Amino acid sequence: MKLDVVLVSGGLPHHGGTLKERSLGGSETAAIMIAKELAKRGHHVTVGSPCEGGVYDDVNYMPIQAMPNSKCDQRNKNPKNSIECLSVSYCNLG
């Protein structure tokens, strides 16, 4: 089953190419790596982060403030729709 996945990763500004430019914290690095691996498996992945946006390794990065709160946000604690780990949220939009 293919999923639409949203990861919300605040903290340091980052996108899919940031690790090639400079080092990041653990949660930002985890968000990038998890998103990349999920996309490799054919899932549609969007990462909200403090960035300008863009597509890297088939992952859509967008500014957190541009993310539709009605779909998913860090306050969503419903375990059916979301699992939160540190500052990264994973949401099934289906």
Foldseek 3Di string as FASTA:
>chain_A
DAFEKEKEAEDDDDDLCVVVVDDDDDRVVVVNVVQLVSVVVPHAYEYAYCYPWDADNNYTYHHNVPDDVVQDDPVDPPVVAWDDDDRIIIGGSD
